[in-house]
Amino acid sequence: MVSRRPTLFFYGSLLDEDVRAAVLGALAPEAVAPATLAGWRRVTAPGAIFPIVLRAPGATVDGVIARDMGAAAVRRLDAYEGTGYRLEPVQVTLADGTACDAQVYVPVRSFAGSGKPWDLENWRRRHKRRFLARMKAVGPFAFG
């Protein structure tokens, strides 16, 4: 039987287990798997501390996949990402080299310019503590 519950590719703050737990609570995936998205690049969103992905032939984005995400989890993620993002079907490559169909949140509107690269470890050092404190104070869905 084929699951109709989507596999999602995370490339930004949702790479962090604490952020996934804050957003999804009991709906957070028990495990994620490393994956790479080809033909896209990750940059810092204009005026923000979080990234977006933009189409870029020849580029790749490292991230993780969460399999079998239920409708309630996707609704929470939709609220977290906000109206500025939509899910787009993509194909990612898993660590063992196999292809996997997934969905990724992409910006609804296009962005011009190159954008500065976004780095998870830098974000964790500089922003994670305040980000999680704000999520605790105002809720994870105030970020969309």
N, C-alpha and C. Protein backbone atom coordinates (compact mmCIF):
# COMPACT_ATOMS: atom_id res chain seq x y z
N MET A 1 0.84 -1.19 0.00
CA MET A 1 0.00 0.00 0.00
C MET A 1 0.88 1.25 0.00
N VAL A 2 0.61 2.17 -0.89
CA VAL A 2 1.38 3.40 -0.99
C VAL A 2 0.77 4.45 -0.08
N SER A 3 1.63 5.12 0.69
CA SER A 3 1.15 6.16 1.60
C SER A 3 0.80 7.42 0.82
N ARG A 4 -0.29 8.06 1.18
CA ARG A 4 -0.66 9.34 0.56
C ARG A 4 -0.22 10.50 1.44
N ARG A 5 0.47 10.19 2.51
CA ARG A 5 0.97 11.23 3.40
C ARG A 5 2.32 11.69 2.86
N PRO A 6 2.51 12.99 2.70
CA PRO A 6 3.68 13.49 1.98
C PRO A 6 4.99 13.35 2.75
N THR A 7 6.04 13.33 1.96
CA THR A 7 7.40 13.47 2.46
C THR A 7 7.77 14.93 2.25
N LEU A 8 8.25 15.58 3.30
CA LEU A 8 8.62 16.99 3.20
C LEU A 8 10.14 17.14 3.32
N PHE A 9 10.67 18.08 2.55
CA PHE A 9 12.10 18.41 2.60
C PHE A 9 12.25 19.70 3.39
N PHE A 10 13.04 19.65 4.46
CA PHE A 10 13.32 20.83 5.29
C PHE A 10 14.74 21.31 5.01
N TYR A 11 14.90 22.63 4.90
CA TYR A 11 16.20 23.20 4.55
C TYR A 11 16.61 24.37 5.44
N GLY A 12 15.75 24.81 6.34
CA GLY A 12 16.04 26.00 7.14
C GLY A 12 15.91 25.72 8.62
N SER A 13 15.14 26.57 9.31
CA SER A 13 15.01 26.43 10.77
C SER A 13 14.44 25.07 11.16
N LEU A 14 13.67 24.44 10.28
CA LEU A 14 13.10 23.13 10.59
C LEU A 14 14.13 22.01 10.52
N LEU A 15 15.36 22.31 10.12
CA LEU A 15 16.45 21.35 10.26
C LEU A 15 16.75 21.11 11.73
N ASP A 16 16.44 22.09 12.56
CA ASP A 16 16.73 22.02 13.98
C ASP A 16 15.64 21.23 14.71
N GLU A 17 16.04 20.23 15.44
CA GLU A 17 15.09 19.36 16.14
C GLU A 17 14.23 20.13 17.14
N ASP A 18 14.81 21.10 17.83
CA ASP A 18 14.05 21.90 18.80
C ASP A 18 12.97 22.73 18.12
N VAL A 19 13.27 23.27 16.96
CA VAL A 19 12.28 24.05 16.21
C VAL A 19 11.17 23.13 15.72
N ARG A 20 11.54 21.96 15.17
CA ARG A 20 10.51 21.02 14.73
C ARG A 20 9.59 20.65 15.89
N ALA A 21 10.16 20.42 17.06
CA ALA A 21 9.36 20.06 18.23
C ALA A 21 8.45 21.21 18.64
N ALA A 22 8.96 22.44 18.58
CA ALA A 22 8.16 23.60 18.98
C ALA A 22 6.99 23.82 18.01
N VAL A 23 7.22 23.59 16.72
CA VAL A 23 6.19 23.79 15.72
C VAL A 23 5.19 22.65 15.72
N LEU A 24 5.70 21.43 15.76
CA LEU A 24 4.85 20.26 15.54
C LEU A 24 4.41 19.53 16.80
N GLY A 25 5.05 19.79 17.94
CA GLY A 25 4.69 19.10 19.17
C GLY A 25 4.71 17.60 18.97
N ALA A 26 3.65 16.92 19.39
CA ALA A 26 3.57 15.46 19.30
C ALA A 26 3.53 14.98 17.85
N LEU A 27 3.30 15.88 16.90
CA LEU A 27 3.25 15.50 15.48
C LEU A 27 4.62 15.52 14.82
N ALA A 28 5.65 15.91 15.58
CA ALA A 28 7.00 15.96 15.01
C ALA A 28 7.45 14.57 14.61
N PRO A 29 8.16 14.46 13.50
CA PRO A 29 8.63 13.14 13.08
C PRO A 29 9.63 12.58 14.09
N GLU A 30 9.56 11.27 14.28
CA GLU A 30 10.50 10.63 15.20
C GLU A 30 11.92 10.67 14.64
N ALA A 31 12.04 10.63 13.32
CA ALA A 31 13.35 10.65 12.68
C ALA A 31 13.25 11.39 11.37
N VAL A 32 14.36 11.97 10.97
CA VAL A 32 14.49 12.58 9.66
C VAL A 32 15.71 11.95 8.99
N ALA A 33 15.79 12.08 7.67
CA ALA A 33 16.91 11.50 6.93
C ALA A 33 17.57 12.57 6.07
N PRO A 34 18.89 12.56 5.99
CA PRO A 34 19.59 13.53 5.15
C PRO A 34 19.18 13.39 3.68
N ALA A 35 19.10 14.53 3.01
CA ALA A 35 18.74 14.54 1.58
C ALA A 35 19.31 15.80 0.95
N THR A 36 19.41 15.78 -0.36
CA THR A 36 19.93 16.91 -1.12
C THR A 36 18.93 17.27 -2.22
N LEU A 37 18.69 18.55 -2.35
CA LEU A 37 17.80 19.09 -3.38
C LEU A 37 18.65 19.74 -4.46
N ALA A 38 18.64 19.18 -5.65
CA ALA A 38 19.44 19.71 -6.76
C ALA A 38 18.64 20.74 -7.55
N GLY A 39 19.37 21.73 -8.10
CA GLY A 39 18.74 22.74 -8.94
C GLY A 39 18.16 23.91 -8.16
N TRP A 40 18.49 23.99 -6.89
CA TRP A 40 18.04 25.06 -6.02
C TRP A 40 19.22 25.53 -5.18
N ARG A 41 19.11 26.77 -4.65
CA ARG A 41 20.10 27.28 -3.70
C ARG A 41 19.38 27.87 -2.51
N ARG A 42 20.04 27.86 -1.36
CA ARG A 42 19.47 28.39 -0.11
C ARG A 42 20.13 29.73 0.17
N VAL A 43 19.30 30.76 0.37
CA VAL A 43 19.80 32.10 0.69
C VAL A 43 18.96 32.68 1.83
N THR A 44 19.53 33.65 2.49
CA THR A 44 18.78 34.35 3.53
C THR A 44 17.69 35.19 2.89
N ALA A 45 16.47 35.05 3.40
CA ALA A 45 15.35 35.85 2.89
C ALA A 45 15.64 37.32 3.13
N PRO A 46 15.26 38.19 2.19
CA PRO A 46 15.51 39.62 2.36
C PRO A 46 14.94 40.15 3.69
N GLY A 47 15.78 40.81 4.48
CA GLY A 47 15.36 41.41 5.73
C GLY A 47 14.99 40.42 6.83
N ALA A 48 15.46 39.18 6.73
CA ALA A 48 15.06 38.15 7.69
C ALA A 48 16.27 37.37 8.18
N ILE A 49 16.03 36.47 9.13
CA ILE A 49 17.08 35.60 9.66
C ILE A 49 16.92 34.16 9.17
N PHE A 50 15.90 33.91 8.38
CA PHE A 50 15.62 32.55 7.92
C PHE A 50 15.87 32.46 6.42
N PRO A 51 16.00 31.24 5.90
CA PRO A 51 16.31 31.10 4.48
C PRO A 51 15.08 30.87 3.61
N ILE A 52 15.32 31.02 2.33
CA ILE A 52 14.40 30.60 1.28
C ILE A 52 15.22 29.78 0.29
N VAL A 53 14.53 29.01 -0.53
CA VAL A 53 15.22 28.34 -1.63
C VAL A 53 14.74 28.95 -2.94
N LEU A 54 15.70 29.10 -3.84
CA LEU A 54 15.43 29.67 -5.15
C LEU A 54 16.00 28.73 -6.20
N ARG A 55 15.32 28.63 -7.33
CA ARG A 55 15.82 27.79 -8.42
C ARG A 55 17.19 28.31 -8.88
N ALA A 56 18.10 27.37 -9.06
CA ALA A 56 19.45 27.73 -9.49
C ALA A 56 20.10 26.50 -10.12
N PRO A 57 20.07 26.41 -11.44
CA PRO A 57 20.68 25.26 -12.10
C PRO A 57 22.13 25.06 -11.63
N GLY A 58 22.47 23.82 -11.33
CA GLY A 58 23.82 23.50 -10.90
C GLY A 58 24.06 23.60 -9.40
N ALA A 59 23.15 24.24 -8.68
CA ALA A 59 23.31 24.39 -7.23
C ALA A 59 22.63 23.23 -6.51
N THR A 60 22.96 23.06 -5.24
CA THR A 60 22.30 22.05 -4.40
C THR A 60 22.07 22.62 -3.01
N VAL A 61 21.07 22.05 -2.34
CA VAL A 61 20.75 22.42 -0.97
C VAL A 61 20.72 21.14 -0.14
N ASP A 62 21.51 21.11 0.92
CA ASP A 62 21.47 19.99 1.86
C ASP A 62 20.35 20.23 2.85
N GLY A 63 19.66 19.17 3.21
CA GLY A 63 18.59 19.26 4.18
C GLY A 63 18.24 17.89 4.69
N VAL A 64 17.00 17.75 5.14
CA VAL A 64 16.50 16.48 5.63
C VAL A 64 15.09 16.27 5.11
N ILE A 65 14.68 15.01 5.05
CA ILE A 65 13.30 14.71 4.73
C ILE A 65 12.61 14.15 5.96
N ALA A 66 11.34 14.46 6.06
CA ALA A 66 10.45 13.88 7.07
C ALA A 66 9.38 13.14 6.29
N ARG A 67 9.30 11.85 6.49
CA ARG A 67 8.37 11.01 5.73
C ARG A 67 7.02 10.92 6.42
N ASP A 68 6.01 10.64 5.62
CA ASP A 68 4.68 10.27 6.12
C ASP A 68 4.08 11.33 7.04
N MET A 69 4.16 12.58 6.61
CA MET A 69 3.62 13.68 7.41
C MET A 69 2.11 13.74 7.23
N GLY A 70 1.40 13.65 8.31
CA GLY A 70 -0.06 13.67 8.27
C GLY A 70 -0.63 15.05 8.01
N ALA A 71 -1.93 15.09 7.74
CA ALA A 71 -2.61 16.34 7.41
C ALA A 71 -2.50 17.36 8.54
N ALA A 72 -2.61 16.92 9.78
CA ALA A 72 -2.53 17.86 10.91
C ALA A 72 -1.14 18.48 11.00
N ALA A 73 -0.10 17.69 10.75
CA ALA A 73 1.27 18.20 10.77
C ALA A 73 1.47 19.20 9.64
N VAL A 74 0.96 18.89 8.46
CA VAL A 74 1.11 19.80 7.32
C VAL A 74 0.36 21.11 7.59
N ARG A 75 -0.81 21.04 8.21
CA ARG A 75 -1.53 22.28 8.55
C ARG A 75 -0.70 23.14 9.51
N ARG A 76 -0.06 22.52 10.49
CA ARG A 76 0.80 23.29 11.40
C ARG A 76 1.98 23.91 10.66
N LEU A 77 2.59 23.13 9.78
CA LEU A 77 3.71 23.66 9.00
C LEU A 77 3.26 24.78 8.07
N ASP A 78 2.09 24.63 7.46
CA ASP A 78 1.54 25.71 6.62
C ASP A 78 1.38 26.99 7.44
N ALA A 79 0.86 26.85 8.66
CA ALA A 79 0.67 28.02 9.51
C ALA A 79 2.02 28.62 9.91
N TYR A 80 2.98 27.79 10.21
CA TYR A 80 4.32 28.25 10.58
C TYR A 80 4.98 28.99 9.41
N GLU A 81 4.90 28.42 8.23
CA GLU A 81 5.52 29.03 7.06
C GLU A 81 4.76 30.28 6.61
N GLY A 82 3.46 30.30 6.78
CA GLY A 82 2.66 31.48 6.46
C GLY A 82 2.26 31.54 5.00
N THR A 83 1.55 32.59 4.67
CA THR A 83 0.99 32.73 3.32
C THR A 83 2.03 33.09 2.27
N GLY A 84 3.23 33.40 2.69
CA GLY A 84 4.30 33.73 1.75
C GLY A 84 4.97 32.51 1.14
N TYR A 85 4.51 31.32 1.52
CA TYR A 85 5.12 30.07 1.05
C TYR A 85 4.06 29.12 0.56
N ARG A 86 4.47 28.25 -0.36
CA ARG A 86 3.61 27.18 -0.84
C ARG A 86 4.46 25.93 -0.98
N LEU A 87 3.79 24.79 -0.92
CA LEU A 87 4.49 23.53 -1.14
C LEU A 87 4.64 23.26 -2.62
N GLU A 88 5.83 22.83 -3.01
CA GLU A 88 6.09 22.49 -4.41
C GLU A 88 6.69 21.08 -4.45
N PRO A 89 6.19 20.25 -5.37
CA PRO A 89 6.77 18.91 -5.50
C PRO A 89 8.17 18.98 -6.09
N VAL A 90 9.07 18.20 -5.52
CA VAL A 90 10.46 18.14 -5.98
C VAL A 90 10.93 16.69 -5.86
N GLN A 91 12.10 16.44 -6.40
CA GLN A 91 12.74 15.16 -6.18
C GLN A 91 14.06 15.44 -5.48
N VAL A 92 14.31 14.73 -4.40
CA VAL A 92 15.55 14.88 -3.64
C VAL A 92 16.35 13.59 -3.75
N THR A 93 17.62 13.70 -3.42
CA THR A 93 18.50 12.53 -3.42
C THR A 93 18.86 12.20 -1.98
N LEU A 94 18.65 10.96 -1.61
CA LEU A 94 18.96 10.51 -0.25
C LEU A 94 20.45 10.20 -0.14
N ALA A 95 20.92 9.99 1.08
CA ALA A 95 22.33 9.76 1.34
C ALA A 95 22.86 8.54 0.59
N ASP A 96 22.01 7.55 0.34
CA ASP A 96 22.45 6.34 -0.39
C ASP A 96 22.38 6.51 -1.90
N GLY A 97 22.03 7.71 -2.36
CA GLY A 97 22.00 7.99 -3.79
C GLY A 97 20.67 7.75 -4.47
N THR A 98 19.69 7.23 -3.74
CA THR A 98 18.38 6.99 -4.35
C THR A 98 17.56 8.28 -4.40
N ALA A 99 16.67 8.34 -5.38
CA ALA A 99 15.80 9.50 -5.55
C ALA A 99 14.55 9.30 -4.70
N CYS A 100 13.98 10.42 -4.25
CA CYS A 100 12.78 10.37 -3.42
C CYS A 100 11.90 11.56 -3.78
N ASP A 101 10.63 11.31 -4.03
CA ASP A 101 9.68 12.40 -4.25
C ASP A 101 9.38 13.07 -2.92
N ALA A 102 9.36 14.38 -2.92
CA ALA A 102 9.11 15.14 -1.70
C ALA A 102 8.40 16.44 -2.06
N GLN A 103 8.10 17.22 -1.05
CA GLN A 103 7.57 18.57 -1.24
C GLN A 103 8.41 19.52 -0.41
N VAL A 104 8.57 20.73 -0.90
CA VAL A 104 9.37 21.73 -0.22
C VAL A 104 8.61 23.05 -0.20
N TYR A 105 8.76 23.80 0.89
CA TYR A 105 8.16 25.13 0.97
C TYR A 105 9.03 26.12 0.21
N VAL A 106 8.41 26.78 -0.77
CA VAL A 106 9.10 27.78 -1.58
C VAL A 106 8.35 29.10 -1.47
N PRO A 107 9.05 30.22 -1.66
CA PRO A 107 8.36 31.51 -1.59
C PRO A 107 7.33 31.65 -2.72
N VAL A 108 6.22 32.29 -2.39
CA VAL A 108 5.16 32.53 -3.37
C VAL A 108 5.61 33.56 -4.40
N ARG A 109 6.29 34.60 -3.93
CA ARG A 109 6.73 35.63 -4.87
C ARG A 109 8.20 35.42 -5.20
N SER A 110 8.61 35.95 -6.35
CA SER A 110 9.99 35.79 -6.78
C SER A 110 10.86 36.85 -6.12
N PHE A 111 12.13 36.54 -6.01
CA PHE A 111 13.10 37.45 -5.41
C PHE A 111 14.22 37.70 -6.41
N ALA A 112 14.59 38.94 -6.56
CA ALA A 112 15.70 39.30 -7.44
C ALA A 112 16.98 39.35 -6.63
N GLY A 113 18.09 39.24 -7.29
CA GLY A 113 19.37 39.35 -6.62
C GLY A 113 19.88 37.99 -6.18
N SER A 114 21.11 38.01 -5.70
CA SER A 114 21.76 36.75 -5.38
C SER A 114 21.43 36.26 -3.98
N GLY A 115 21.18 37.15 -3.03
CA GLY A 115 20.92 36.74 -1.66
C GLY A 115 22.17 36.21 -0.99
N LYS A 116 22.26 36.43 0.32
CA LYS A 116 23.41 35.93 1.07
C LYS A 116 23.16 34.48 1.45
N PRO A 117 24.20 33.65 1.40
CA PRO A 117 24.04 32.26 1.83
C PRO A 117 23.55 32.20 3.28
N TRP A 118 22.80 31.16 3.60
CA TRP A 118 22.28 30.93 4.95
C TRP A 118 22.95 29.68 5.50
N ASP A 119 23.38 29.74 6.76
CA ASP A 119 24.10 28.64 7.39
C ASP A 119 23.42 28.26 8.69
N LEU A 120 23.07 26.99 8.85
CA LEU A 120 22.36 26.53 10.04
C LEU A 120 23.16 26.76 11.31
N GLU A 121 24.43 26.43 11.32
CA GLU A 121 25.22 26.58 12.55
C GLU A 121 25.34 28.05 12.95
N ASN A 122 25.50 28.93 11.98
CA ASN A 122 25.53 30.36 12.27
C ASN A 122 24.18 30.81 12.85
N TRP A 123 23.09 30.35 12.26
CA TRP A 123 21.75 30.69 12.77
C TRP A 123 21.58 30.18 14.20
N ARG A 124 22.03 28.97 14.46
CA ARG A 124 21.91 28.43 15.82
C ARG A 124 22.68 29.29 16.82
N ARG A 125 23.90 29.68 16.49
CA ARG A 125 24.72 30.50 17.40
C ARG A 125 24.11 31.89 17.60
N ARG A 126 23.64 32.50 16.53
CA ARG A 126 23.23 33.90 16.60
C ARG A 126 21.75 34.12 16.92
N HIS A 127 20.89 33.18 16.54
CA HIS A 127 19.46 33.47 16.60
C HIS A 127 18.58 32.44 17.30
N LYS A 128 19.03 31.22 17.42
CA LYS A 128 18.15 30.14 17.88
C LYS A 128 17.52 30.42 19.25
N ARG A 129 18.31 30.83 20.21
CA ARG A 129 17.79 31.04 21.56
C ARG A 129 16.65 32.05 21.57
N ARG A 130 16.85 33.20 20.92
CA ARG A 130 15.79 34.22 20.86
C ARG A 130 14.60 33.75 20.05
N PHE A 131 14.86 33.04 18.97
CA PHE A 131 13.81 32.52 18.11
C PHE A 131 12.90 31.58 18.90
N LEU A 132 13.49 30.64 19.62
CA LEU A 132 12.68 29.70 20.42
C LEU A 132 11.96 30.42 21.56
N ALA A 133 12.61 31.40 22.17
CA ALA A 133 11.95 32.16 23.25
C ALA A 133 10.74 32.90 22.70
N ARG A 134 10.88 33.49 21.52
CA ARG A 134 9.75 34.18 20.91
C ARG A 134 8.64 33.20 20.56
N MET A 135 9.02 32.03 20.05
CA MET A 135 8.01 31.02 19.73
C MET A 135 7.25 30.62 20.98
N LYS A 136 7.96 30.49 22.09
CA LYS A 136 7.31 30.12 23.35
C LYS A 136 6.38 31.22 23.82
N ALA A 137 6.80 32.47 23.61
CA ALA A 137 5.99 33.61 24.09
C ALA A 137 4.78 33.89 23.22
N VAL A 138 4.95 33.84 21.90
CA VAL A 138 3.86 34.25 21.01
C VAL A 138 3.31 33.11 20.16
N GLY A 139 3.95 31.95 20.21
CA GLY A 139 3.49 30.82 19.44
C GLY A 139 4.27 30.70 18.13
N PRO A 140 4.40 29.47 17.64
CA PRO A 140 5.20 29.25 16.43
C PRO A 140 4.56 29.81 15.18
N PHE A 141 3.27 30.17 15.23
CA PHE A 141 2.60 30.57 14.02
C PHE A 141 2.61 32.08 13.83
N ALA A 142 3.36 32.80 14.69
CA ALA A 142 3.51 34.23 14.54
C ALA A 142 4.60 34.56 13.53
N PHE A 143 5.25 33.55 12.99
CA PHE A 143 6.38 33.77 12.09
C PHE A 143 5.99 33.78 10.63
N GLY A 144 4.80 33.28 10.29
CA GLY A 144 4.39 33.15 8.89
C GLY A 144 4.17 34.47 8.22
